[in-house]
N, C-alpha and C. Protein backbone atom coordinates (compact mmCIF):
# COMPACT_ATOMS: atom_id res chain seq x y z
N MET A 1 1.88 -2.36 -33.54
CA MET A 1 0.19 -1.43 -32.10
C MET A 1 0.53 -2.93 -31.66
N LYS A 2 0.05 -4.04 -31.90
CA LYS A 2 0.03 -5.09 -30.83
C LYS A 2 0.76 -5.86 -30.55
N THR A 3 2.49 -5.88 -30.62
CA THR A 3 3.56 -5.03 -29.61
C THR A 3 3.55 -4.61 -28.44
N LYS A 4 2.41 -3.73 -28.91
CA LYS A 4 2.35 -2.06 -28.03
C LYS A 4 1.36 -2.61 -27.27
N GLN A 5 0.06 -3.18 -27.04
CA GLN A 5 -0.78 -3.51 -26.87
C GLN A 5 -0.78 -4.60 -26.54
N THR A 6 -0.03 -6.22 -26.66
CA THR A 6 1.01 -6.97 -25.49
C THR A 6 1.23 -6.36 -24.32
N ALA A 7 2.22 -5.44 -24.57
CA ALA A 7 3.43 -4.72 -23.48
C ALA A 7 2.19 -4.42 -22.48
N PHE A 8 1.44 -3.52 -22.85
CA PHE A 8 0.13 -2.12 -21.60
C PHE A 8 -0.57 -3.95 -20.51
N LEU A 9 -1.01 -4.52 -21.35
CA LEU A 9 -1.66 -5.91 -21.24
C LEU A 9 -1.09 -5.84 -19.91
N SER A 10 0.23 -6.47 -20.41
CA SER A 10 1.29 -7.46 -19.12
C SER A 10 1.83 -5.83 -18.20
N ARG A 11 1.56 -5.47 -18.31
CA ARG A 11 1.81 -4.66 -16.91
C ARG A 11 1.19 -3.94 -16.15
N ILE A 12 -0.45 -4.50 -16.73
CA ILE A 12 -2.32 -4.01 -16.20
C ILE A 12 -1.65 -5.51 -15.07
N VAL A 13 -1.55 -6.68 -15.35
CA VAL A 13 -1.07 -8.02 -14.79
C VAL A 13 -0.39 -7.74 -14.13
N ILE A 14 0.92 -6.98 -13.98
CA ILE A 14 1.68 -7.48 -12.98
C ILE A 14 1.45 -6.75 -12.10
N LEU A 15 0.79 -5.74 -12.25
CA LEU A 15 0.10 -4.49 -12.06
C LEU A 15 -1.00 -5.26 -11.09
N ILE A 16 -1.06 -5.81 -10.71
CA ILE A 16 -2.14 -6.65 -10.33
C ILE A 16 -1.95 -7.57 -9.30
N ILE A 17 -1.58 -8.25 -10.10
CA ILE A 17 -0.28 -9.20 -9.22
C ILE A 17 0.40 -8.42 -8.20
N GLY A 18 1.19 -7.15 -8.02
CA GLY A 18 1.01 -6.70 -6.58
C GLY A 18 0.76 -6.59 -5.76
N LEU A 19 -0.30 -6.46 -6.50
CA LEU A 19 -1.29 -5.43 -5.21
C LEU A 19 -1.51 -6.23 -4.82
N VAL A 20 -1.94 -7.26 -5.18
CA VAL A 20 -2.90 -8.29 -4.15
C VAL A 20 -1.82 -9.10 -3.10
N ILE A 21 -0.05 -8.93 -3.08
CA ILE A 21 0.99 -9.19 -2.99
C ILE A 21 0.91 -8.21 -1.52
N ALA A 22 0.69 -6.47 -1.42
CA ALA A 22 1.11 -5.59 -0.61
C ALA A 22 -0.17 -5.71 0.04
N HIS A 23 -1.59 -5.20 -0.39
CA HIS A 23 -2.34 -6.22 0.89
C HIS A 23 -2.55 -7.35 1.67
N LEU A 24 -1.89 -8.13 0.85
CA LEU A 24 -1.33 -9.50 1.45
C LEU A 24 -0.56 -8.96 3.54
N GLY A 25 0.33 -8.46 2.29
CA GLY A 25 1.01 -8.48 3.32
C GLY A 25 0.47 -6.97 4.36
N VAL A 26 -0.47 -5.78 4.18
CA VAL A 26 -1.66 -5.06 4.64
C VAL A 26 -1.69 -5.86 4.97
N THR A 27 -2.38 -6.45 5.24
CA THR A 27 -3.31 -7.93 5.89
C THR A 27 -3.12 -8.84 7.21
N LEU A 28 -1.73 -9.14 6.81
CA LEU A 28 -0.97 -10.16 7.98
C LEU A 28 -0.29 -8.44 9.36
N PHE A 29 -0.32 -7.19 9.06
CA PHE A 29 -0.52 -6.39 9.61
C PHE A 29 -1.09 -6.53 10.80
N ILE A 30 -2.28 -6.33 9.99
CA ILE A 30 -3.86 -5.27 10.93
C ILE A 30 -3.83 -7.48 10.83
N GLN A 31 -4.30 -8.05 11.25
CA GLN A 31 -5.06 -9.46 11.64
C GLN A 31 -3.09 -10.83 13.01
N ALA A 32 -2.73 -9.16 12.88
CA ALA A 32 -1.14 -9.80 13.92
C ALA A 32 -1.57 -9.14 15.39
N ASN A 33 -1.99 -8.50 15.23
CA ASN A 33 -3.67 -7.39 15.94
C ASN A 33 -2.37 -6.78 16.90
N LEU A 34 -1.26 -5.93 16.59
CA LEU A 34 0.02 -6.08 16.65
C LEU A 34 0.37 -4.34 16.56
N GLY A 35 -1.42 -3.40 15.38
CA GLY A 35 -0.53 -2.60 14.91
C GLY A 35 -0.70 -2.45 14.07
N THR A 36 -0.92 -1.90 13.14
CA THR A 36 -1.75 -1.82 11.40
C THR A 36 -0.38 -0.87 10.71
N ASP A 37 -0.44 -0.60 9.37
CA ASP A 37 1.26 -0.57 8.30
C ASP A 37 0.50 1.12 8.24
N PRO A 38 1.07 2.17 8.19
CA PRO A 38 0.80 3.86 8.39
C PRO A 38 -0.12 3.72 8.05
N PHE A 39 -0.46 3.32 6.73
CA PHE A 39 -1.46 4.03 5.86
C PHE A 39 -3.00 3.84 6.13
N ASN A 40 -2.82 2.71 7.23
CA ASN A 40 -3.77 2.31 7.02
C ASN A 40 -4.72 1.83 8.69
N VAL A 41 -3.23 2.58 9.35
CA VAL A 41 -3.36 3.10 11.51
C VAL A 41 -4.78 3.64 10.50
N PHE A 42 -4.68 5.15 9.26
CA PHE A 42 -4.87 6.04 9.30
C PHE A 42 -6.28 5.88 8.40
N VAL A 43 -6.08 4.83 7.43
CA VAL A 43 -8.02 4.30 7.70
C VAL A 43 -8.30 3.49 8.92
N GLN A 44 -8.18 3.12 9.74
CA GLN A 44 -8.67 2.41 10.55
C GLN A 44 -8.95 3.93 11.74
N GLY A 45 -8.53 4.58 12.03
CA GLY A 45 -7.74 6.21 12.47
C GLY A 45 -10.00 6.95 11.74
N VAL A 46 -10.83 6.64 10.25
CA VAL A 46 -11.02 7.40 9.97
C VAL A 46 -12.68 6.71 9.47
N TYR A 47 -12.03 4.66 9.57
CA TYR A 47 -12.79 4.12 10.07
C TYR A 47 -14.10 4.15 10.94
N ARG A 48 -13.13 4.09 12.49
CA ARG A 48 -13.35 4.11 13.47
C ARG A 48 -14.23 5.34 13.46
N THR A 49 -13.86 6.41 12.63
CA THR A 49 -14.49 7.76 13.69
C THR A 49 -15.63 7.51 13.07
N LEU A 50 -16.01 7.09 11.59
CA LEU A 50 -17.02 7.60 10.63
C LEU A 50 -18.07 6.53 11.56
N SER A 51 -18.23 5.42 12.10
CA SER A 51 -18.60 4.32 12.06
C SER A 51 -19.49 4.57 13.73
N ALA A 52 -17.82 5.93 14.35
CA ALA A 52 -18.86 6.07 16.14
C ALA A 52 -20.08 7.11 15.51
N TYR A 53 -20.45 7.79 14.17
CA TYR A 53 -21.05 8.16 14.06
C TYR A 53 -22.16 8.28 12.85
N GLY A 54 -22.54 6.85 12.96
CA GLY A 54 -23.92 5.73 12.44
C GLY A 54 -22.74 5.32 11.07
N PHE A 55 -21.80 5.95 10.72
CA PHE A 55 -21.49 4.74 9.62
C PHE A 55 -21.60 3.59 8.84
N ASP A 56 -22.38 3.44 10.25
CA ASP A 56 -21.88 1.36 11.18
C ASP A 56 -21.75 0.64 10.08
N TRP A 57 -22.51 0.70 8.84
CA TRP A 57 -21.74 -0.23 7.26
C TRP A 57 -21.08 -0.05 7.05
N LEU A 58 -20.25 0.72 7.24
CA LEU A 58 -18.61 0.52 6.38
C LEU A 58 -18.30 -0.69 6.81
N THR A 59 -17.07 -0.75 6.25
CA THR A 59 -16.44 -1.72 6.37
C THR A 59 -14.90 -1.50 6.05
N HIS A 60 -14.05 -1.70 6.56
CA HIS A 60 -12.49 -0.97 6.74
C HIS A 60 -12.66 -1.09 4.48
N GLY A 61 -12.32 -2.16 4.34
CA GLY A 61 -12.01 -1.94 2.57
C GLY A 61 -12.52 -1.10 2.02
N TYR A 62 -14.65 -0.78 1.88
CA TYR A 62 -14.50 0.47 1.68
C TYR A 62 -13.98 2.14 2.11
N THR A 63 -13.71 2.21 3.27
CA THR A 63 -13.55 3.06 3.65
C THR A 63 -12.15 3.26 3.14
N HIS A 64 -10.55 2.27 3.03
CA HIS A 64 -9.49 2.67 1.79
C HIS A 64 -9.95 2.90 0.32
N ILE A 65 -11.01 2.55 0.17
CA ILE A 65 -11.26 3.35 -1.38
C ILE A 65 -11.91 4.81 -1.44
N GLY A 66 -12.72 4.91 0.02
CA GLY A 66 -13.51 6.48 -0.22
C GLY A 66 -11.62 7.25 -0.09
N ILE A 67 -11.06 6.81 1.19
CA ILE A 67 -9.59 7.79 1.65
C ILE A 67 -9.33 7.39 -0.09
N SER A 68 -8.89 6.94 -0.95
CA SER A 68 -8.22 7.03 -1.75
C SER A 68 -8.68 7.44 -2.99
N PHE A 69 -10.12 7.73 -3.40
CA PHE A 69 -10.24 8.41 -4.20
C PHE A 69 -10.08 9.87 -4.06
N PHE A 70 -10.34 10.06 -2.88
CA PHE A 70 -9.90 11.03 -1.82
C PHE A 70 -8.72 11.80 -2.78
N ILE A 71 -7.61 11.27 -2.09
CA ILE A 71 -6.69 11.30 -1.98
C ILE A 71 -6.00 11.58 -3.95
N ILE A 72 -7.10 11.09 -4.63
CA ILE A 72 -6.70 11.39 -5.88
C ILE A 72 -7.07 12.40 -6.90
N LEU A 73 -7.47 13.17 -5.94
CA LEU A 73 -9.10 13.94 -6.59
C LEU A 73 -8.18 15.14 -6.36
N LEU A 74 -7.66 15.03 -4.62
CA LEU A 74 -6.13 16.28 -4.65
C LEU A 74 -5.41 16.08 -5.40
N LEU A 75 -4.44 15.16 -5.78
CA LEU A 75 -2.39 14.86 -6.50
C LEU A 75 -4.00 15.40 -8.27
N LEU A 76 -4.63 14.88 -7.96
CA LEU A 76 -5.49 15.54 -10.06
C LEU A 76 -4.64 17.23 -10.41
N PHE A 77 -4.95 17.83 -8.74
CA PHE A 77 -5.05 19.25 -8.86
C PHE A 77 -3.55 19.48 -8.39
N VAL A 78 -2.13 18.67 -8.16
CA VAL A 78 -1.14 19.18 -8.12
C VAL A 78 -0.54 18.34 -9.66
N ASP A 79 -1.01 17.20 -9.91
CA ASP A 79 0.04 16.76 -11.22
C ASP A 79 -0.90 15.88 -11.68
N LYS A 80 -1.50 15.88 -12.49
CA LYS A 80 -2.85 14.82 -13.75
C LYS A 80 -1.97 13.79 -14.09
N ASN A 81 -0.94 13.05 -14.33
CA ASN A 81 0.28 12.81 -15.31
C ASN A 81 0.54 11.83 -14.59
N TYR A 82 0.91 11.89 -13.08
CA TYR A 82 0.73 11.56 -12.37
C TYR A 82 -0.74 9.83 -11.33
N ILE A 83 -1.95 10.23 -12.15
CA ILE A 83 -2.40 9.20 -11.93
C ILE A 83 -3.16 8.99 -13.79
N LYS A 84 -2.72 7.48 -12.98
CA LYS A 84 -2.74 7.03 -14.37
C LYS A 84 -3.73 5.13 -13.72
N LEU A 85 -4.22 4.26 -15.47
CA LEU A 85 -5.11 3.50 -15.56
C LEU A 85 -4.29 2.59 -13.90
N GLY A 86 -2.81 2.08 -13.48
CA GLY A 86 -2.88 1.79 -12.63
C GLY A 86 -3.46 2.15 -11.04
N THR A 87 -2.84 3.63 -11.22
CA THR A 87 -3.90 3.88 -10.34
C THR A 87 -5.27 3.25 -9.21
N LEU A 88 -6.17 3.87 -10.72
CA LEU A 88 -7.17 3.40 -10.22
C LEU A 88 -7.86 2.27 -9.55
N ILE A 89 -6.64 1.45 -10.77
CA ILE A 89 -6.90 0.07 -9.89
C ILE A 89 -6.59 -0.43 -9.03
N CYS A 90 -5.01 0.12 -8.03
CA CYS A 90 -5.17 -0.01 -7.02
C CYS A 90 -6.54 0.45 -6.52
N MET A 91 -6.63 1.73 -6.60
CA MET A 91 -7.95 2.50 -6.00
C MET A 91 -9.32 1.83 -5.68
N ILE A 92 -9.52 0.60 -6.97
CA ILE A 92 -11.21 0.19 -6.30
C ILE A 92 -10.66 -1.14 -6.15
N LEU A 93 -9.40 -1.89 -6.31
CA LEU A 93 -9.92 -3.21 -5.28
C LEU A 93 -8.57 -3.37 -4.07
N GLY A 94 -7.58 -2.18 -4.26
CA GLY A 94 -7.10 -2.15 -3.08
C GLY A 94 -8.54 -2.90 -1.50
N GLY A 95 -9.00 -1.97 -2.01
CA GLY A 95 -9.78 -2.24 -0.60
C GLY A 95 -10.37 -3.78 -0.50
N PRO A 96 -11.48 -3.82 -1.29
CA PRO A 96 -12.06 -4.86 -1.10
C PRO A 96 -10.68 -6.07 -0.91
N ILE A 97 -9.77 -6.21 -1.39
CA ILE A 97 -8.72 -6.77 -1.52
C ILE A 97 -8.16 -7.42 0.69
N ILE A 98 -7.98 -6.60 0.52
CA ILE A 98 -8.13 -6.34 2.68
C ILE A 98 -9.42 -7.02 2.52
N ASP A 99 -10.16 -6.87 2.27
CA ASP A 99 -10.66 -7.05 3.02
C ASP A 99 -11.35 -8.93 2.98
N LEU A 100 -11.52 -8.98 1.40
CA LEU A 100 -11.09 -11.00 1.21
C LEU A 100 -9.56 -11.32 2.22
N PHE A 101 -9.13 -10.45 2.30
CA PHE A 101 -8.08 -11.39 3.26
C PHE A 101 -7.74 -11.61 4.57
N THR A 102 -8.90 -10.69 5.11
CA THR A 102 -9.05 -10.26 6.22
C THR A 102 -9.77 -11.94 6.77
N TYR A 103 -10.95 -11.55 6.34
CA TYR A 103 -11.80 -13.09 6.20
C TYR A 103 -11.02 -14.16 5.38
N LEU A 104 -10.60 -14.08 4.86
CA LEU A 104 -9.06 -15.85 5.45
C LEU A 104 -8.32 -16.03 6.83
N LEU A 105 -7.11 -14.87 7.10
CA LEU A 105 -6.75 -14.63 8.00
C LEU A 105 -6.94 -15.08 9.08
N GLN A 106 -8.00 -14.58 9.45
CA GLN A 106 -8.29 -13.70 11.02
C GLN A 106 -8.55 -15.33 11.72
N GLY A 107 -9.25 -16.04 11.30
CA GLY A 107 -8.99 -17.80 11.88
C GLY A 107 -8.07 -18.30 12.41
N PHE A 108 -6.27 -17.69 11.49
CA PHE A 108 -5.41 -17.96 11.93
C PHE A 108 -3.81 -16.99 12.13
N ILE A 109 -4.27 -15.67 12.45
CA ILE A 109 -3.36 -15.23 12.31
C ILE A 109 -4.31 -14.33 14.24
N ASN A 110 -4.25 -13.55 14.70
CA ASN A 110 -4.69 -13.49 15.68
C ASN A 110 -3.85 -12.77 16.93
N GLU A 111 -4.76 -12.39 18.32
CA GLU A 111 -4.08 -11.72 19.44
C GLU A 111 -3.78 -13.99 20.52
N SER A 112 -4.26 -14.58 19.97
CA SER A 112 -3.87 -15.95 20.70
C SER A 112 -2.98 -15.61 19.94
N LEU A 113 -2.20 -16.17 19.19
CA LEU A 113 -0.80 -16.07 18.82
C LEU A 113 0.28 -15.53 19.94
N PRO A 114 1.06 -16.58 19.80
CA PRO A 114 2.57 -16.41 21.00
C PRO A 114 2.67 -14.73 20.11
N PHE A 115 3.82 -13.41 21.64
CA PHE A 115 4.04 -12.93 20.36
C PHE A 115 4.95 -12.98 19.92
N THR A 116 5.86 -13.83 19.82
CA THR A 116 7.16 -13.59 18.91
C THR A 116 6.63 -13.90 18.12
N ILE A 117 5.31 -14.89 17.35
CA ILE A 117 5.58 -15.40 16.46
C ILE A 117 4.49 -14.41 16.23
N ARG A 118 3.77 -13.72 17.01
CA ARG A 118 2.56 -12.23 16.16
C ARG A 118 4.54 -11.05 15.66
N ILE A 119 5.53 -11.23 16.27
CA ILE A 119 6.51 -10.36 15.15
C ILE A 119 6.14 -10.72 14.20
N LEU A 120 7.39 -11.88 14.12
CA LEU A 120 6.99 -12.59 12.74
C LEU A 120 6.85 -12.77 11.79
N VAL A 121 4.93 -12.39 11.81
CA VAL A 121 4.43 -12.71 11.25
C VAL A 121 4.42 -11.13 10.36
N LEU A 122 3.82 -9.82 11.43
CA LEU A 122 5.10 -8.91 11.69
C LEU A 122 6.06 -8.02 10.07
N SER A 123 6.73 -9.06 9.81
CA SER A 123 8.28 -8.82 9.80
C SER A 123 8.29 -9.02 8.66
N LEU A 124 7.64 -10.74 8.21
CA LEU A 124 6.73 -10.68 6.77
C LEU A 124 5.71 -10.03 6.60
N GLY A 125 5.38 -9.22 7.03
CA GLY A 125 3.72 -8.72 6.08
C GLY A 125 4.62 -8.05 5.85
N CYS A 126 6.02 -6.84 5.89
CA CYS A 126 6.71 -5.93 6.31
C CYS A 126 7.72 -6.40 4.59
N ILE A 127 8.06 -7.42 4.72
CA ILE A 127 8.75 -7.18 3.35
C ILE A 127 8.01 -7.84 2.49
N ILE A 128 7.21 -8.74 2.27
CA ILE A 128 5.72 -8.74 1.30
C ILE A 128 5.12 -7.51 0.65
N LEU A 129 4.53 -6.57 1.86
CA LEU A 129 4.46 -5.58 1.42
C LEU A 129 5.15 -4.33 0.38
N ALA A 130 5.98 -4.71 1.20
CA ALA A 130 7.59 -3.43 0.29
C ALA A 130 8.11 -4.05 -1.67
N PHE A 131 7.40 -5.51 -1.03
CA PHE A 131 7.72 -6.24 -3.04
C PHE A 131 6.97 -5.51 -3.05
N GLY A 132 5.96 -6.31 -3.28
CA GLY A 132 3.89 -5.81 -3.45
C GLY A 132 4.39 -5.11 -4.26
N MET A 133 4.53 -3.60 -3.82
CA MET A 133 4.24 -1.95 -4.00
C MET A 133 5.19 -2.08 -4.54
N THR A 134 6.76 -2.52 -4.87
CA THR A 134 7.71 -2.06 -5.39
C THR A 134 7.56 -2.86 -7.59
N ILE A 135 6.99 -4.58 -7.30
CA ILE A 135 5.87 -4.02 -8.32
C ILE A 135 4.90 -3.54 -9.35
N VAL A 136 4.10 -2.52 -7.93
CA VAL A 136 2.91 -1.95 -8.65
C VAL A 136 4.15 -1.09 -9.40
N ILE A 137 4.92 0.01 -8.52
CA ILE A 137 6.18 1.18 -8.83
C ILE A 137 6.39 0.98 -10.01
N ASN A 138 6.95 -0.98 -10.45
CA ASN A 138 7.83 -1.31 -11.50
C ASN A 138 7.41 -1.05 -12.95
N SER A 139 5.83 -1.19 -12.94
CA SER A 139 5.12 -1.49 -13.63
C SER A 139 4.55 -1.14 -13.81
N ASN A 140 5.07 0.15 -13.83
CA ASN A 140 5.17 1.13 -15.05
C ASN A 140 3.52 2.01 -15.26
N ALA A 141 2.39 0.67 -14.93
CA ALA A 141 1.31 1.22 -14.69
C ALA A 141 -0.13 2.28 -13.56
N GLY A 142 0.96 2.65 -12.77
CA GLY A 142 0.78 3.69 -11.94
C GLY A 142 1.04 3.04 -10.71
N THR A 143 0.95 3.62 -9.53
CA THR A 143 1.30 3.31 -7.54
C THR A 143 -0.60 3.18 -6.84
N GLY A 144 -0.13 2.53 -6.12
CA GLY A 144 -1.15 2.88 -4.45
C GLY A 144 -0.91 4.31 -4.65
N PRO A 145 -2.35 4.82 -3.83
CA PRO A 145 -2.40 6.26 -3.81
C PRO A 145 -1.49 6.70 -2.65
N ASN A 146 -1.98 5.72 -0.95
CA ASN A 146 -0.92 6.24 -0.48
C ASN A 146 0.62 6.56 -0.88
N ASP A 147 0.92 5.35 -1.92
CA ASP A 147 2.61 5.73 -2.12
C ASP A 147 2.55 6.15 -3.26
N LEU A 148 1.24 7.23 -4.10
CA LEU A 148 1.75 7.42 -4.77
C LEU A 148 1.83 9.27 -4.12
N VAL A 149 0.72 9.72 -2.67
CA VAL A 149 1.34 10.35 -2.29
C VAL A 149 3.36 10.23 -2.12
N ALA A 150 3.92 9.39 -1.23
CA ALA A 150 4.95 9.45 -1.35
C ALA A 150 6.20 9.65 -2.54
N ILE A 151 6.22 9.76 -3.58
CA ILE A 151 6.30 9.54 -5.30
C ILE A 151 6.46 11.08 -5.61
N VAL A 152 5.13 10.93 -5.36
CA VAL A 152 5.01 12.59 -6.15
C VAL A 152 5.74 13.78 -5.04
N ILE A 153 5.23 14.05 -4.34
CA ILE A 153 6.51 14.68 -2.74
C ILE A 153 8.07 14.08 -3.09
N SER A 154 8.63 12.89 -3.28
CA SER A 154 9.96 12.47 -3.95
C SER A 154 10.30 13.02 -5.20
N ASP A 155 9.34 13.27 -6.32
CA ASP A 155 9.79 13.90 -7.34
C ASP A 155 9.92 15.31 -6.73
N LYS A 156 9.04 16.38 -6.61
CA LYS A 156 8.80 18.09 -7.06
C LYS A 156 9.72 18.66 -5.97
N THR A 157 10.51 17.31 -4.67
CA THR A 157 11.49 17.89 -3.57
C THR A 157 11.89 17.25 -3.29
N LYS A 158 12.86 16.38 -4.72
CA LYS A 158 14.43 16.11 -5.42
C LYS A 158 14.85 15.37 -3.80
N VAL A 159 14.04 14.40 -2.39
CA VAL A 159 14.33 13.68 -1.31
C VAL A 159 14.03 12.27 -2.44
N HIS A 160 14.26 12.10 -1.43
CA HIS A 160 15.48 10.59 -2.16
C HIS A 160 13.30 9.56 -1.26
N PHE A 161 13.24 9.02 -2.50
CA PHE A 161 12.04 7.77 -1.67
C PHE A 161 11.58 7.33 -0.79
N SER A 162 12.51 7.08 -0.38
CA SER A 162 12.58 5.57 0.84
C SER A 162 12.79 7.12 2.23
N LEU A 163 12.64 7.24 2.09
CA LEU A 163 13.28 9.25 3.03
C LEU A 163 11.49 9.40 2.81
N MET A 164 11.38 10.02 2.08
CA MET A 164 10.39 10.31 2.31
C MET A 164 8.73 9.07 2.07
N ARG A 165 9.02 7.95 2.00
CA ARG A 165 8.66 7.56 2.21
C ARG A 165 7.80 7.08 4.12
N ILE A 166 9.44 6.91 4.80
CA ILE A 166 9.13 7.30 6.13
C ILE A 166 7.67 7.94 6.56
N ILE A 167 8.76 9.67 5.85
CA ILE A 167 7.87 10.99 6.33
C ILE A 167 6.33 11.08 6.68
N VAL A 168 6.05 9.91 4.88
CA VAL A 168 4.85 10.35 4.60
C VAL A 168 4.27 9.65 5.45
N ASP A 169 4.61 8.65 5.76
CA ASP A 169 4.18 7.44 7.52
C ASP A 169 3.94 8.07 8.72
N ALA A 170 4.45 8.72 8.40
CA ALA A 170 4.70 9.28 10.03
C ALA A 170 3.39 10.14 9.79
N CYS A 171 3.41 10.91 8.82
CA CYS A 171 1.87 11.77 9.28
C CYS A 171 0.62 10.89 8.83
N PHE A 172 0.92 9.71 8.36
CA PHE A 172 -0.55 8.85 8.55
C PHE A 172 -1.31 9.10 9.60
N VAL A 173 0.41 8.39 10.40
CA VAL A 173 0.41 7.80 11.68
C VAL A 173 -0.82 8.65 12.87
N LEU A 174 0.27 9.66 12.43
CA LEU A 174 0.60 10.67 13.41
C LEU A 174 -1.65 11.55 13.61
N ILE A 175 -1.61 11.17 12.54
CA ILE A 175 -3.72 11.38 12.01
C ILE A 175 -4.22 10.05 12.36
N GLY A 176 -3.91 9.12 12.19
CA GLY A 176 -4.58 7.95 12.61
C GLY A 176 -4.67 8.16 13.57
N PHE A 177 -3.52 7.35 14.83
CA PHE A 177 -3.42 7.93 16.23
C PHE A 177 -4.69 8.89 16.78
N LEU A 178 -5.29 9.81 16.61
CA LEU A 178 -5.79 10.91 16.60
C LEU A 178 -7.63 10.76 16.20
N LEU A 179 -7.41 9.76 15.48
CA LEU A 179 -8.23 9.15 15.62
C LEU A 179 -9.08 8.32 15.99
N HIS A 180 -8.03 7.52 16.89
CA HIS A 180 -8.01 6.23 17.56
C HIS A 180 -7.98 4.92 16.33
N GLY A 181 -7.31 5.21 15.42
CA GLY A 181 -6.77 3.73 14.44
C GLY A 181 -5.56 2.94 15.23
N THR A 182 -5.34 1.59 15.29
CA THR A 182 -4.97 1.12 15.54
C THR A 182 -2.83 1.69 15.90
N PHE A 183 -2.02 1.69 16.94
CA PHE A 183 -0.97 1.67 16.52
C PHE A 183 -0.07 1.43 17.61
N GLY A 184 0.57 0.75 16.83
CA GLY A 184 1.47 -0.45 17.92
C GLY A 184 2.66 -0.54 17.44
N ILE A 185 3.34 -2.54 17.99
CA ILE A 185 5.15 -2.33 17.42
C ILE A 185 5.18 -2.77 15.73
N GLY A 186 3.80 -2.85 15.39
CA GLY A 186 4.33 -3.42 13.71
C GLY A 186 3.84 -2.07 12.92
N THR A 187 3.69 -1.50 13.88
CA THR A 187 2.71 0.00 12.92
C THR A 187 4.93 0.76 12.74
N ILE A 188 5.16 0.68 14.21
CA ILE A 188 6.91 1.02 13.86
C ILE A 188 7.77 0.72 13.14
N ILE A 189 7.27 -0.59 13.29
CA ILE A 189 8.44 -1.71 12.52
C ILE A 189 8.66 -1.12 10.48
N CYS A 190 7.06 -0.47 10.30
CA CYS A 190 6.44 -0.36 8.96
C CYS A 190 7.29 0.42 8.41
N ALA A 191 6.47 1.61 9.47
CA ALA A 191 7.29 2.88 8.85
C ALA A 191 8.51 3.39 8.30
N PHE A 192 9.83 2.78 9.57
CA PHE A 192 11.05 2.05 9.11
C PHE A 192 11.53 1.47 8.13
N LEU A 193 10.77 0.08 8.37
CA LEU A 193 11.51 -0.85 6.86
C LEU A 193 11.28 -0.50 5.98
N VAL A 194 9.54 -0.69 5.45
CA VAL A 194 8.91 -0.75 4.71
C VAL A 194 9.24 0.30 3.50
N GLY A 195 10.62 1.55 3.46
CA GLY A 195 10.65 1.80 2.75
C GLY A 195 12.38 1.67 2.60
N PRO A 196 13.27 1.66 3.12
CA PRO A 196 14.37 1.07 2.92
C PRO A 196 13.67 0.00 2.34
N VAL A 197 13.81 -1.27 2.06
CA VAL A 197 13.08 -2.10 2.36
C VAL A 197 12.88 -2.20 0.83
N ALA A 198 11.66 -1.41 0.28
CA ALA A 198 11.07 -0.73 -0.79
C ALA A 198 12.12 0.14 -1.53
N GLY A 199 13.21 0.05 -1.30
CA GLY A 199 14.19 1.41 -2.17
C GLY A 199 15.32 -0.21 -2.25
N PHE A 200 14.97 -1.65 -1.70
CA PHE A 200 16.02 -1.73 -1.46
C PHE A 200 15.84 -2.80 -3.35
N PHE A 201 14.26 -3.34 -2.90
CA PHE A 201 13.56 -4.12 -4.11
C PHE A 201 14.01 -3.89 -5.63
N LEU A 202 13.53 -2.00 -5.95
CA LEU A 202 13.11 -0.90 -6.01
C LEU A 202 13.68 -1.11 -7.40
N PRO A 203 15.14 -1.46 -7.50
CA PRO A 203 15.86 -1.56 -8.74
C PRO A 203 16.35 -2.56 -9.61
N ARG A 204 16.34 -4.21 -8.56
CA ARG A 204 15.85 -4.97 -9.14
C ARG A 204 14.60 -5.70 -9.64
N THR A 205 13.79 -5.23 -9.00
CA THR A 205 12.40 -5.61 -9.67
C THR A 205 11.98 -5.27 -11.63
N LYS A 206 12.92 -3.23 -10.69
CA LYS A 206 12.79 -3.52 -12.71
C LYS A 206 13.19 -3.22 -13.48
N SER A 207 14.47 -4.96 -13.04
CA SER A 207 15.62 -4.71 -14.03
C SER A 207 15.55 -6.28 -14.37
N TRP A 208 14.24 -7.00 -13.29
CA TRP A 208 13.48 -8.20 -13.48
C TRP A 208 12.61 -7.75 -14.78
N LEU A 209 11.27 -7.51 -14.39
CA LEU A 209 10.25 -6.49 -15.45
C LEU A 209 10.28 -6.53 -16.80
N GLY A 210 11.91 -5.32 -16.12
CA GLY A 210 11.77 -5.56 -17.49
C GLY A 210 13.00 -6.89 -18.15
N CYS A 211 13.78 -7.31 -17.77
CA CYS A 211 13.84 -9.22 -18.73
C CYS A 211 12.29 -9.42 -19.26
N LEU A 212 11.14 -10.01 -17.76
CA LEU A 212 10.25 -10.28 -18.38
C LEU A 212 9.66 -9.78 -20.09
N ILE A 213 9.21 -8.28 -19.65
CA ILE A 213 8.54 -7.94 -20.30
C ILE A 213 10.08 -7.02 -21.26
N PRO A 214 10.71 -7.24 -22.27
CA PRO A 214 11.45 -5.63 -22.46
C PRO A 214 10.81 -5.07 -22.70
N SER A 215 9.85 -4.93 -23.42
CA SER A 215 8.99 -4.02 -24.23
C SER A 215 7.90 -2.70 -22.93
N LEU A 216 8.18 -3.00 -21.32
CA LEU A 216 8.42 -2.62 -20.91
C LEU A 216 9.22 -1.04 -20.66
N PRO A 217 8.20 0.25 -20.80
CA PRO A 217 9.34 1.13 -20.49
C PRO A 217 10.38 1.44 -19.20
N GLN A 218 11.77 2.15 -19.37
CA GLN A 218 11.54 1.55 -17.04
C GLN A 218 12.34 3.37 -17.48
N LYS A 219 11.95 3.65 -16.83
CA LYS A 219 12.92 5.13 -15.85
C LYS A 219 14.21 5.23 -15.54
């Protein structure tokens, strides 16, 4: 029993580490001001639309939490087995982590930086985001709400996760853009690179986590 509890707590710790890494990548996209990652184009669009209608007390992070809750509720009707403790942690902590990194990074990464440097920041953010996302997924404690959408559809349709991630991202971008979310070259980079990069990291982080925690269940 003690071994099982230790393994569970270890997965939660790894999940939180991955969550922080992934949302650092998200914030790098936002602060580079060349378009944010696809899910956050949607979040920004909803945030700006609600703010225009008097909800000016909202932040990007709070909006992220609200949308995450909505996605979780929808997926509960699809297959509740996908909803795990880690998913709830991602849902609750993701938004505040973005708000924290936004505060810390806004003085270093902004539109005043040369375009080439911001492109490098975007590319680095893409890699960080994909790596953090795969750590969260392979922690086997549940993933973030937006990744969960791609995973559920991928499992149900048998379409490869990398391809489904691109499709899901495209849908988020389209809706977010229509709601005046920030769309730019960074969004395009993220939409077409995060899925494949995550696909590259998935088997490698699974092997690494399996060695780190021998009792970690692997699928």
